[in-house]
Amino acid sequence: MTAPAEELRTAAAQVRDWVNDEPASWAPTAVTQFGPALAAWLDSAAEDAEQIGADRHALAVARAITGGAA
């Protein structure tokens, strides 16, 4: 089983990849507008997960991004 902090970091990395790749066909400007903030939030949630426990909402978002279990 993957640790929650690792799941959050993986999702943050995926969002950064989306921002750095060609714009997504479904919403070219959306990823560039919210992607950096979303990745930063997921990184912050990963740090919190190691210190005080995972936020269930952040973990749900991370799993939606990576295709992990809910």
C-alpha atoms as a PDB file:
ATOM      1  CA  MET A   1       0.000   0.000   0.000  1.00  0.00           C
ATOM      2  CA  THR A   2       1.294   3.420  -0.958  1.00  0.00           C
ATOM      3  CA  ALA A   3       1.709   6.002   1.784  1.00  0.00           C
ATOM      4  CA  PRO A   4      -0.714   8.955   1.504  1.00  0.00           C
ATOM      5  CA  ALA A   5       2.153  11.451   1.266  1.00  0.00           C
ATOM      6  CA  GLU A   6       3.579   9.552  -1.710  1.00  0.00           C
ATOM      7  CA  GLU A   7       0.190   9.472  -3.438  1.00  0.00           C
ATOM      8  CA  LEU A   8      -0.089  13.245  -2.994  1.00  0.00           C
ATOM      9  CA  ARG A   9       3.413  13.865  -4.342  1.00  0.00           C
ATOM     10  CA  THR A  10       2.743  11.625  -7.334  1.00  0.00           C
ATOM     11  CA  ALA A  11      -0.393  13.617  -8.148  1.00  0.00           C
ATOM     12  CA  ALA A  12       1.494  16.905  -7.799  1.00  0.00           C
ATOM     13  CA  ALA A  13       4.112  15.626 -10.235  1.00  0.00           C
ATOM     14  CA  GLN A  14       1.384  14.560 -12.678  1.00  0.00           C
ATOM     15  CA  VAL A  15      -0.149  18.038 -12.590  1.00  0.00           C
ATOM     16  CA  ARG A  16       3.268  19.591 -13.241  1.00  0.00           C
ATOM     17  CA  ASP A  17       3.685  17.274 -16.232  1.00  0.00           C
ATOM     18  CA  TRP A  18       0.339  18.467 -17.581  1.00  0.00           C
ATOM     19  CA  VAL A  19       1.425  22.088 -17.199  1.00  0.00           C
ATOM     20  CA  ASN A  20       4.763  21.466 -18.922  1.00  0.00           C
ATOM     21  CA  ASP A  21       3.372  19.337 -21.761  1.00  0.00           C
ATOM     22  CA  GLU A  22       1.283  20.502 -24.650  1.00  0.00           C
ATOM     23  CA  PRO A  23      -1.943  22.093 -23.427  1.00  0.00           C
ATOM     24  CA  ALA A  24      -4.674  19.587 -22.771  1.00  0.00           C
ATOM     25  CA  SER A  25      -7.161  19.386 -25.601  1.00  0.00           C
ATOM     26  CA  TRP A  26     -10.112  19.647 -23.221  1.00  0.00           C
ATOM     27  CA  ALA A  27      -9.065  22.900 -21.605  1.00  0.00           C
ATOM     28  CA  PRO A  28      -5.780  24.407 -22.779  1.00  0.00           C
ATOM     29  CA  THR A  29      -5.806  27.386 -20.459  1.00  0.00           C
ATOM     30  CA  ALA A  30      -7.300  25.676 -17.426  1.00  0.00           C
ATOM     31  CA  VAL A  31      -4.256  23.513 -16.747  1.00  0.00           C
ATOM     32  CA  THR A  32      -1.849  26.416 -17.011  1.00  0.00           C
ATOM     33  CA  GLN A  33      -4.051  28.569 -14.799  1.00  0.00           C
ATOM     34  CA  PHE A  34      -4.833  26.188 -11.952  1.00  0.00           C
ATOM     35  CA  GLY A  35      -2.098  23.586 -12.391  1.00  0.00           C
ATOM     36  CA  PRO A  36       0.722  25.289 -10.480  1.00  0.00           C
ATOM     37  CA  ALA A  37      -1.537  26.129  -7.532  1.00  0.00           C
ATOM     38  CA  LEU A  38      -2.983  22.615  -7.478  1.00  0.00           C
ATOM     39  CA  ALA A  39       0.474  21.044  -7.525  1.00  0.00           C
ATOM     40  CA  ALA A  40       1.625  23.328  -4.686  1.00  0.00           C
ATOM     41  CA  TRP A  41      -1.455  22.431  -2.636  1.00  0.00           C
ATOM     42  CA  LEU A  42      -0.834  18.720  -3.154  1.00  0.00           C
ATOM     43  CA  ASP A  43       2.808  19.133  -2.100  1.00  0.00           C
ATOM     44  CA  SER A  44       1.691  20.970   1.032  1.00  0.00           C
ATOM     45  CA  ALA A  45      -0.879  18.259   1.741  1.00  0.00           C
ATOM     46  CA  ALA A  46       1.873  15.638   1.378  1.00  0.00           C
ATOM     47  CA  GLU A  47       3.954  17.388   4.036  1.00  0.00           C
ATOM     48  CA  ASP A  48       0.915  17.600   6.309  1.00  0.00           C
ATOM     49  CA  ALA A  49       0.181  13.908   5.710  1.00  0.00           C
ATOM     50  CA  GLU A  50       3.598  13.012   7.086  1.00  0.00           C
ATOM     51  CA  GLN A  51       3.233  15.267  10.117  1.00  0.00           C
ATOM     52  CA  ILE A  52      -0.435  15.243  11.128  1.00  0.00           C
ATOM     53  CA  GLY A  53      -2.168  12.791   8.813  1.00  0.00           C
ATOM     54  CA  ALA A  54      -3.633  12.950   5.338  1.00  0.00           C
ATOM     55  CA  ASP A  55      -6.468  15.291   4.450  1.00  0.00           C
ATOM     56  CA  ARG A  56      -9.153  13.072   2.954  1.00  0.00           C
ATOM     57  CA  HIS A  57     -10.144  15.691   0.383  1.00  0.00           C
ATOM     58  CA  ALA A  58      -6.574  16.190  -0.832  1.00  0.00           C
ATOM     59  CA  LEU A  59      -6.114  12.442  -1.023  1.00  0.00           C
ATOM     60  CA  ALA A  60      -9.336  12.074  -3.028  1.00  0.00           C
ATOM     61  CA  VAL A  61      -8.129  14.703  -5.504  1.00  0.00           C
ATOM     62  CA  ALA A  62      -4.728  13.026  -5.747  1.00  0.00           C
ATOM     63  CA  ARG A  63      -6.313   9.662  -6.437  1.00  0.00           C
ATOM     64  CA  ALA A  64      -8.608  11.151  -9.078  1.00  0.00           C
ATOM     65  CA  ILE A  65      -5.567  12.631 -10.832  1.00  0.00           C
ATOM     66  CA  THR A  66      -3.489   9.459 -10.709  1.00  0.00           C
ATOM     67  CA  GLY A  67      -6.316   6.990 -11.196  1.00  0.00           C
ATOM     68  CA  GLY A  68      -5.729   5.474  -7.761  1.00  0.00           C
ATOM     69  CA  ALA A  69      -8.336   3.946  -5.467  1.00  0.00           C
ATOM     70  CA  ALA A  70     -10.762   6.347  -3.808  1.00  0.00           C
END
